[in-house]
Amino acid sequence: MDLCWNCNSGVRLLRWHITESRDELAQSYNQIWGDLANPETAASGSTHKLAARHLVAQAFPQHQLVFSEHGKPLLQPQSAAINHSHAGNYALLAHHPVKSVGVDIEQLRPQLSRIYKRFCNEAEIEKLGPKPTLETLLLIWCAKEALYKAIGQKGTDFKEHLHMTDWPIDPELAEGTLQARITLTAFEQTCTLRFQRWNEYAAVWVALD
């Protein structure tokens, strides 16, 4: 891993700048996981998946990685809540001792300007104005992905249930916060998300109460 840090929200993050080949990662996969390794992952998992599983194993040795019915990653034994993401040459793991966490990392991509009305609601579109920057759209996309993953419930709609209420507009801002509101029938919460940006990447994470 090339970076790890603690957030004041209680979330700990580990980042891996992937320079290894897929074959190199596969060869070390069983050594890291030992008897808990999944042979299918070693045989056919992508470079990103292998790197993400390596991060989990480094942070939580002698644990098993399982998934909920909604696809949310879980540890056995349940010593922490975890979530991971990957994009480009990076994999990222976020974990918290108690709170459900979500994290998303993405690379800047032009198509966000064409599709943002698919994941932004009317209030967000109005606040964004006629020409939102790619950097702002990337933060909002990452934030909604992180919220979705922290909630861990299929059927959560980006436009209907996840509402971004405040976000930075300075594309040069390297780190900061965003504000959001979740309006699911059985779960409502106002929350603060945190982000970091470097090169053409953005990572956003959140811990839910």
Protein backbone atom coordinates (compact mmCIF):
# COMPACT_ATOMS: atom_id res chain seq x y z
CA MET A 1 0.00 0.00 0.00
CA ASP A 2 1.25 3.51 -0.72
CA LEU A 3 -0.80 5.52 1.78
CA CYS A 4 -2.91 5.09 4.90
CA TRP A 5 -4.57 7.71 7.04
CA ASN A 6 -7.15 8.20 9.79
CA CYS A 7 -10.11 10.48 9.24
CA ASN A 8 -11.66 12.46 12.09
CA SER A 9 -14.92 10.63 11.38
CA GLY A 10 -13.25 7.50 12.75
CA VAL A 11 -12.76 5.94 9.33
CA ARG A 12 -9.34 4.50 8.49
CA LEU A 13 -8.37 4.41 4.84
CA LEU A 14 -5.72 2.42 3.00
CA ARG A 15 -4.75 3.20 -0.58
CA TRP A 16 -2.81 0.96 -2.94
CA HIS A 17 -1.17 2.38 -6.04
CA ILE A 18 -1.25 -0.72 -8.24
CA THR A 19 2.03 -1.26 -10.06
CA GLU A 20 2.00 -5.07 -9.98
CA SER A 21 0.77 -7.19 -12.86
CA ARG A 22 -2.30 -9.35 -12.47
CA ASP A 23 -0.10 -12.46 -12.47
CA GLU A 24 2.08 -11.05 -9.69
CA LEU A 25 -0.95 -10.29 -7.57
CA ALA A 26 -2.45 -13.72 -8.20
CA GLN A 27 0.78 -15.44 -7.17
CA SER A 28 0.86 -13.66 -3.83
CA TYR A 29 -2.90 -13.95 -3.21
CA ASN A 30 -2.82 -17.39 -1.57
CA GLN A 31 0.27 -16.51 0.45
CA ILE A 32 -1.48 -13.49 1.95
CA TRP A 33 -4.87 -15.12 2.58
CA GLY A 34 -3.57 -18.56 3.55
CA ASP A 35 -6.32 -21.12 4.09
CA LEU A 36 -8.99 -18.41 3.74
CA ALA A 37 -8.15 -17.68 0.09
CA ASN A 38 -10.87 -18.05 -2.54
CA PRO A 39 -9.41 -20.12 -5.42
CA GLU A 40 -11.84 -18.55 -7.90
CA THR A 41 -10.55 -15.07 -7.08
CA ALA A 42 -6.94 -16.14 -7.54
CA ALA A 43 -7.77 -17.84 -10.85
CA SER A 44 -10.08 -15.33 -12.51
CA GLY A 45 -10.25 -12.18 -10.39
CA SER A 46 -9.30 -8.87 -12.00
CA THR A 47 -6.20 -6.92 -11.03
CA HIS A 48 -8.44 -4.49 -9.16
CA LYS A 49 -10.24 -7.24 -7.23
CA LEU A 50 -6.98 -8.90 -6.25
CA ALA A 51 -5.49 -5.60 -5.06
CA ALA A 52 -8.62 -4.80 -3.04
CA ARG A 53 -8.57 -8.27 -1.41
CA HIS A 54 -4.89 -7.77 -0.58
CA LEU A 55 -5.75 -4.55 1.25
CA VAL A 56 -8.44 -6.34 3.27
CA ALA A 57 -6.01 -9.13 4.17
CA GLN A 58 -3.29 -6.70 5.24
CA ALA A 59 -5.68 -4.76 7.47
CA PHE A 60 -7.50 -7.82 8.84
CA PRO A 61 -5.30 -10.92 8.85
CA GLN A 62 -6.99 -14.21 9.70
CA HIS A 63 -10.40 -12.89 8.70
CA GLN A 64 -12.68 -14.18 6.00
CA LEU A 65 -14.32 -11.91 3.43
CA VAL A 66 -18.00 -12.65 2.80
CA PHE A 67 -20.85 -10.72 1.20
CA SER A 68 -24.39 -9.86 2.28
CA GLU A 69 -27.43 -10.70 0.15
CA HIS A 70 -27.15 -7.16 -1.25
CA GLY A 71 -23.47 -7.60 -2.15
CA LYS A 72 -22.00 -5.59 0.73
CA PRO A 73 -18.56 -6.89 1.85
CA LEU A 74 -18.41 -8.21 5.42
CA LEU A 75 -15.72 -9.59 7.69
CA GLN A 76 -15.84 -12.84 9.61
CA PRO A 77 -15.30 -12.45 12.50
CA GLN A 78 -17.14 -9.12 12.45
CA SER A 79 -14.41 -7.00 14.02
CA ALA A 80 -15.10 -3.95 11.81
CA ALA A 81 -17.26 -2.62 9.00
CA ILE A 82 -15.43 -2.40 5.67
CA ASN A 83 -15.89 -1.20 2.11
CA HIS A 84 -13.56 -1.01 -0.85
CA SER A 85 -13.37 0.53 -4.30
CA HIS A 86 -10.98 0.74 -7.22
CA ALA A 87 -10.36 2.76 -10.37
CA GLY A 88 -7.47 3.16 -12.77
CA ASN A 89 -4.26 2.31 -10.94
CA TYR A 90 -5.67 2.53 -7.41
CA ALA A 91 -7.55 0.38 -4.91
CA LEU A 92 -8.95 1.82 -1.70
CA LEU A 93 -10.18 0.24 1.54
CA ALA A 94 -12.17 2.04 4.23
CA HIS A 95 -13.07 0.57 7.62
CA HIS A 96 -14.65 1.65 10.90
CA PRO A 97 -14.91 -0.25 14.20
CA VAL A 98 -18.70 0.18 14.45
CA LYS A 99 -20.31 2.38 11.79
CA SER A 100 -21.31 1.22 8.31
CA VAL A 101 -18.90 2.72 5.77
CA GLY A 102 -18.97 3.41 2.06
CA VAL A 103 -16.12 4.53 -0.19
CA ASP A 104 -15.78 5.24 -3.88
CA ILE A 105 -12.82 6.20 -6.03
CA GLU A 106 -13.12 7.31 -9.65
CA GLN A 107 -11.10 8.90 -12.42
CA LEU A 108 -12.16 12.10 -14.12
CA ARG A 109 -14.13 11.22 -17.26
CA PRO A 110 -15.85 13.49 -19.81
CA GLN A 111 -19.05 11.43 -20.10
CA LEU A 112 -20.18 12.73 -16.71
CA SER A 113 -21.23 15.94 -18.47
CA ARG A 114 -23.62 13.91 -20.62
CA ILE A 115 -25.12 11.62 -17.98
CA TYR A 116 -25.25 13.64 -14.76
CA LYS A 117 -29.00 14.25 -15.08
CA ARG A 118 -29.45 10.50 -14.69
CA PHE A 119 -28.07 10.54 -11.15
CA CYS A 120 -28.76 14.12 -10.03
CA ASN A 121 -32.24 15.21 -8.94
CA GLU A 122 -33.94 18.47 -9.89
CA ALA A 123 -32.73 20.40 -6.83
CA GLU A 124 -29.12 19.33 -7.47
CA ILE A 125 -29.35 20.16 -11.18
CA GLU A 126 -30.69 23.62 -10.37
CA LYS A 127 -27.89 24.25 -7.86
CA LEU A 128 -25.24 22.99 -10.30
CA GLY A 129 -26.28 25.52 -12.93
CA PRO A 130 -26.07 25.21 -16.73
CA LYS A 131 -22.38 24.24 -16.98
CA PRO A 132 -21.19 22.20 -13.99
CA THR A 133 -17.51 21.31 -14.01
CA LEU A 134 -16.37 17.73 -14.42
CA GLU A 135 -14.57 17.95 -11.08
CA THR A 136 -17.83 18.83 -9.28
CA LEU A 137 -19.80 16.13 -11.08
CA LEU A 138 -17.15 13.57 -10.19
CA LEU A 139 -17.43 14.43 -6.49
CA ILE A 140 -21.22 14.13 -6.57
CA TRP A 141 -21.07 10.78 -8.38
CA CYS A 142 -18.49 9.43 -5.91
CA ALA A 143 -20.54 10.73 -2.98
CA LYS A 144 -23.70 8.99 -4.12
CA GLU A 145 -21.78 5.78 -4.79
CA ALA A 146 -20.26 5.94 -1.29
CA LEU A 147 -23.69 6.52 0.27
CA TYR A 148 -25.21 3.66 -1.71
CA LYS A 149 -22.45 1.30 -0.60
CA ALA A 150 -22.68 2.40 3.05
CA ILE A 151 -26.44 1.81 3.07
CA GLY A 152 -25.92 -1.58 1.45
CA GLN A 153 -29.50 -1.98 0.29
CA LYS A 154 -30.53 -2.76 -3.27
CA GLY A 155 -33.27 -0.50 -4.56
CA THR A 156 -31.66 2.67 -3.22
CA ASP A 157 -32.17 5.23 -5.98
CA PHE A 158 -29.51 7.89 -6.59
CA LYS A 159 -32.04 10.58 -7.55
CA GLU A 160 -34.94 9.73 -5.25
CA HIS A 161 -33.20 8.67 -2.04
CA LEU A 162 -29.75 10.32 -2.05
CA HIS A 163 -29.79 14.13 -1.94
CA MET A 164 -26.61 16.19 -2.07
CA THR A 165 -27.21 19.46 -0.24
CA ASP A 166 -23.78 21.08 -0.26
CA TRP A 167 -20.49 20.53 -2.09
CA PRO A 168 -17.31 22.49 -2.91
CA ILE A 169 -17.07 24.12 -6.30
CA ASP A 170 -13.32 24.85 -6.30
CA PRO A 171 -11.79 22.22 -8.67
CA GLU A 172 -8.36 22.76 -7.07
CA LEU A 173 -9.50 21.86 -3.55
CA ALA A 174 -7.53 18.75 -2.58
CA GLU A 175 -9.71 17.68 0.35
CA GLY A 176 -12.87 18.70 2.12
CA THR A 177 -16.47 17.75 2.89
CA LEU A 178 -19.85 17.35 1.24
CA GLN A 179 -23.28 17.29 2.86
CA ALA A 180 -26.08 14.89 2.01
CA ARG A 181 -29.49 13.66 3.13
CA ILE A 182 -30.75 10.08 2.86
CA THR A 183 -34.54 9.67 2.52
CA LEU A 184 -35.27 5.95 2.45
CA THR A 185 -38.62 4.88 3.91
CA ALA A 186 -37.01 3.02 6.80
CA PHE A 187 -33.87 5.12 7.07
CA GLU A 188 -33.44 8.89 7.06
CA GLN A 189 -30.22 10.66 7.96
CA THR A 190 -28.28 13.85 7.32
CA CYS A 191 -24.59 13.10 6.93
CA THR A 192 -21.18 14.55 6.15
CA LEU A 193 -18.97 12.91 3.53
CA ARG A 194 -15.27 13.53 3.10
CA PHE A 195 -13.14 13.56 0.00
CA GLN A 196 -9.60 13.68 -1.29
CA ARG A 197 -8.42 14.48 -4.83
CA TRP A 198 -5.09 13.86 -6.52
CA ASN A 199 -4.09 13.93 -10.19
CA GLU A 200 -7.31 12.97 -12.04
CA TYR A 201 -8.72 10.90 -9.16
CA ALA A 202 -11.32 11.62 -6.50
CA ALA A 203 -12.19 9.48 -3.48
CA VAL A 204 -15.23 10.04 -1.25
CA TRP A 205 -16.13 8.15 1.91
CA VAL A 206 -18.78 8.23 4.62
CA ALA A 207 -19.59 6.55 7.94
CA LEU A 208 -23.30 6.32 8.78
CA ASP A 209 -24.70 6.55 12.32
